[in-house]
Amino acid sequence: MMAQMNISIPERLKSWVESRVAEGSYSSSSDYLRDLVRRDQQYHEQLERLRVDIQAGYDSGISER
């Protein structure tokens, strides 16, 4: 089940979203916003994985090679 969220954005951003929908890139403003949130979530998940990997590298110490 989808939850509902109402947001307020400046007219300039609303026009941008509407133009993306009008050009056919997205089926609706909701579709566009869901995609943005999904991409942001993926970005932050990848960033956290990189932080973990970097910390693991630091924690492994200096290589003897």
N, C-alpha and C. Protein backbone atom coordinates (compact mmCIF):
# COMPACT_ATOMS: atom_id res chain seq x y z
N MET A 1 0.84 -1.18 0.00
CA MET A 1 0.00 0.00 0.00
C MET A 1 0.89 1.24 0.00
N MET A 2 0.53 2.19 -0.80
CA MET A 2 1.28 3.44 -0.90
C MET A 2 0.81 4.41 0.17
N ALA A 3 1.76 5.05 0.82
CA ALA A 3 1.43 6.13 1.75
C ALA A 3 1.32 7.42 0.96
N GLN A 4 0.64 8.37 1.52
CA GLN A 4 0.47 9.64 0.83
C GLN A 4 1.23 10.73 1.56
N MET A 5 1.81 11.65 0.78
CA MET A 5 2.55 12.78 1.33
C MET A 5 2.23 14.00 0.50
N ASN A 6 1.91 15.08 1.14
CA ASN A 6 1.66 16.34 0.45
C ASN A 6 2.85 17.25 0.71
N ILE A 7 3.35 17.87 -0.34
CA ILE A 7 4.49 18.76 -0.19
C ILE A 7 4.19 20.11 -0.82
N SER A 8 4.91 21.11 -0.36
CA SER A 8 4.82 22.44 -0.97
C SER A 8 6.19 22.76 -1.56
N ILE A 9 6.19 23.20 -2.81
CA ILE A 9 7.43 23.57 -3.47
C ILE A 9 7.23 24.89 -4.19
N PRO A 10 8.32 25.62 -4.42
CA PRO A 10 8.20 26.88 -5.16
C PRO A 10 7.68 26.63 -6.59
N GLU A 11 7.04 27.63 -7.14
CA GLU A 11 6.47 27.52 -8.49
C GLU A 11 7.52 27.10 -9.52
N ARG A 12 8.73 27.61 -9.38
CA ARG A 12 9.81 27.27 -10.32
C ARG A 12 10.08 25.77 -10.33
N LEU A 13 10.11 25.15 -9.14
CA LEU A 13 10.34 23.71 -9.07
C LEU A 13 9.12 22.93 -9.58
N LYS A 14 7.94 23.42 -9.27
CA LYS A 14 6.72 22.77 -9.76
C LYS A 14 6.72 22.77 -11.29
N SER A 15 7.10 23.87 -11.89
CA SER A 15 7.17 23.95 -13.36
C SER A 15 8.19 22.97 -13.90
N TRP A 16 9.29 22.82 -13.21
CA TRP A 16 10.33 21.88 -13.66
C TRP A 16 9.78 20.46 -13.65
N VAL A 17 9.13 20.08 -12.56
CA VAL A 17 8.55 18.73 -12.46
C VAL A 17 7.54 18.52 -13.57
N GLU A 18 6.68 19.50 -13.77
CA GLU A 18 5.66 19.38 -14.81
C GLU A 18 6.27 19.26 -16.20
N SER A 19 7.38 19.94 -16.43
CA SER A 19 8.04 19.83 -17.74
C SER A 19 8.63 18.45 -17.94
N ARG A 20 9.17 17.85 -16.89
CA ARG A 20 9.71 16.49 -16.99
C ARG A 20 8.60 15.49 -17.31
N VAL A 21 7.44 15.69 -16.68
CA VAL A 21 6.30 14.81 -16.95
C VAL A 21 5.80 15.04 -18.38
N ALA A 22 5.70 16.30 -18.80
CA ALA A 22 5.19 16.63 -20.14
C ALA A 22 6.07 16.07 -21.25
N GLU A 23 7.38 16.02 -21.02
CA GLU A 23 8.26 15.48 -22.08
C GLU A 23 8.24 13.96 -22.14
N GLY A 24 7.51 13.35 -21.22
CA GLY A 24 7.34 11.90 -21.27
C GLY A 24 8.35 11.12 -20.47
N SER A 25 9.22 11.80 -19.76
CA SER A 25 10.22 11.10 -18.96
C SER A 25 9.59 10.37 -17.77
N TYR A 26 8.47 10.90 -17.29
CA TYR A 26 7.77 10.33 -16.14
C TYR A 26 6.28 10.37 -16.42
N SER A 27 5.55 9.44 -15.81
CA SER A 27 4.11 9.38 -16.06
C SER A 27 3.33 10.37 -15.21
N SER A 28 3.92 10.83 -14.10
CA SER A 28 3.24 11.78 -13.23
C SER A 28 4.26 12.46 -12.33
N SER A 29 3.84 13.52 -11.66
CA SER A 29 4.75 14.18 -10.73
C SER A 29 5.11 13.24 -9.58
N SER A 30 4.18 12.40 -9.17
CA SER A 30 4.48 11.42 -8.12
C SER A 30 5.56 10.44 -8.58
N ASP A 31 5.46 10.01 -9.83
CA ASP A 31 6.45 9.09 -10.39
C ASP A 31 7.84 9.74 -10.39
N TYR A 32 7.88 11.00 -10.77
CA TYR A 32 9.14 11.75 -10.79
C TYR A 32 9.74 11.86 -9.39
N LEU A 33 8.92 12.25 -8.42
CA LEU A 33 9.40 12.41 -7.05
C LEU A 33 9.83 11.08 -6.44
N ARG A 34 9.08 10.00 -6.72
CA ARG A 34 9.49 8.68 -6.24
C ARG A 34 10.87 8.31 -6.79
N ASP A 35 11.10 8.61 -8.07
CA ASP A 35 12.39 8.31 -8.68
C ASP A 35 13.50 9.11 -8.01
N LEU A 36 13.27 10.38 -7.73
CA LEU A 36 14.27 11.20 -7.05
C LEU A 36 14.61 10.66 -5.67
N VAL A 37 13.58 10.27 -4.93
CA VAL A 37 13.80 9.74 -3.58
C VAL A 37 14.56 8.42 -3.66
N ARG A 38 14.17 7.56 -4.61
CA ARG A 38 14.86 6.28 -4.79
C ARG A 38 16.35 6.50 -5.11
N ARG A 39 16.63 7.42 -6.03
CA ARG A 39 18.02 7.70 -6.40
C ARG A 39 18.81 8.25 -5.21
N ASP A 40 18.18 9.13 -4.43
CA ASP A 40 18.84 9.68 -3.25
C ASP A 40 19.13 8.57 -2.25
N GLN A 41 18.18 7.67 -2.07
CA GLN A 41 18.37 6.55 -1.15
C GLN A 41 19.52 5.66 -1.62
N GLN A 42 19.55 5.33 -2.91
CA GLN A 42 20.63 4.51 -3.46
C GLN A 42 21.98 5.19 -3.29
N TYR A 43 22.02 6.50 -3.53
CA TYR A 43 23.26 7.27 -3.38
C TYR A 43 23.78 7.16 -1.95
N HIS A 44 22.91 7.37 -0.99
CA HIS A 44 23.33 7.34 0.41
C HIS A 44 23.71 5.93 0.87
N GLU A 45 23.03 4.92 0.35
CA GLU A 45 23.41 3.54 0.67
C GLU A 45 24.79 3.22 0.11
N GLN A 46 25.06 3.66 -1.12
CA GLN A 46 26.37 3.43 -1.73
C GLN A 46 27.44 4.20 -0.97
N LEU A 47 27.15 5.42 -0.58
CA LEU A 47 28.09 6.22 0.18
C LEU A 47 28.43 5.54 1.51
N GLU A 48 27.45 4.99 2.17
CA GLU A 48 27.70 4.29 3.44
C GLU A 48 28.55 3.05 3.22
N ARG A 49 28.29 2.30 2.14
CA ARG A 49 29.14 1.13 1.83
C ARG A 49 30.58 1.55 1.59
N LEU A 50 30.77 2.66 0.89
CA LEU A 50 32.12 3.17 0.65
C LEU A 50 32.80 3.57 1.95
N ARG A 51 32.06 4.22 2.84
CA ARG A 51 32.62 4.59 4.15
C ARG A 51 33.07 3.36 4.93
N VAL A 52 32.24 2.33 4.90
CA VAL A 52 32.58 1.08 5.59
C VAL A 52 33.84 0.47 4.98
N ASP A 53 33.91 0.43 3.66
CA ASP A 53 35.08 -0.13 2.98
C ASP A 53 36.34 0.68 3.26
N ILE A 54 36.23 1.99 3.27
CA ILE A 54 37.38 2.85 3.56
C ILE A 54 37.85 2.62 4.99
N GLN A 55 36.89 2.53 5.91
CA GLN A 55 37.27 2.28 7.30
C GLN A 55 37.94 0.92 7.45
N ALA A 56 37.44 -0.08 6.73
CA ALA A 56 38.05 -1.41 6.77
C ALA A 56 39.49 -1.34 6.25
N GLY A 57 39.71 -0.53 5.23
CA GLY A 57 41.07 -0.35 4.72
C GLY A 57 41.98 0.29 5.74
N TYR A 58 41.50 1.33 6.40
CA TYR A 58 42.29 1.97 7.46
C TYR A 58 42.56 0.99 8.60
N ASP A 59 41.54 0.25 8.98
CA ASP A 59 41.67 -0.68 10.11
C ASP A 59 42.60 -1.85 9.80
N SER A 60 42.79 -2.17 8.53
CA SER A 60 43.63 -3.32 8.18
C SER A 60 45.12 -3.03 8.36
N GLY A 61 45.46 -1.78 8.54
CA GLY A 61 46.85 -1.43 8.79
C GLY A 61 47.63 -1.24 7.50
N ILE A 62 48.92 -1.06 7.68
CA ILE A 62 49.82 -0.80 6.56
C ILE A 62 50.23 -2.14 5.94
N SER A 63 50.15 -2.20 4.61
CA SER A 63 50.54 -3.41 3.90
C SER A 63 52.05 -3.60 3.98
N GLU A 64 52.45 -4.85 4.03
CA GLU A 64 53.89 -5.13 4.07
C GLU A 64 54.46 -5.35 2.68
N ARG A 65 53.62 -5.22 1.67
CA ARG A 65 54.10 -5.39 0.29
C ARG A 65 54.75 -4.14 -0.20
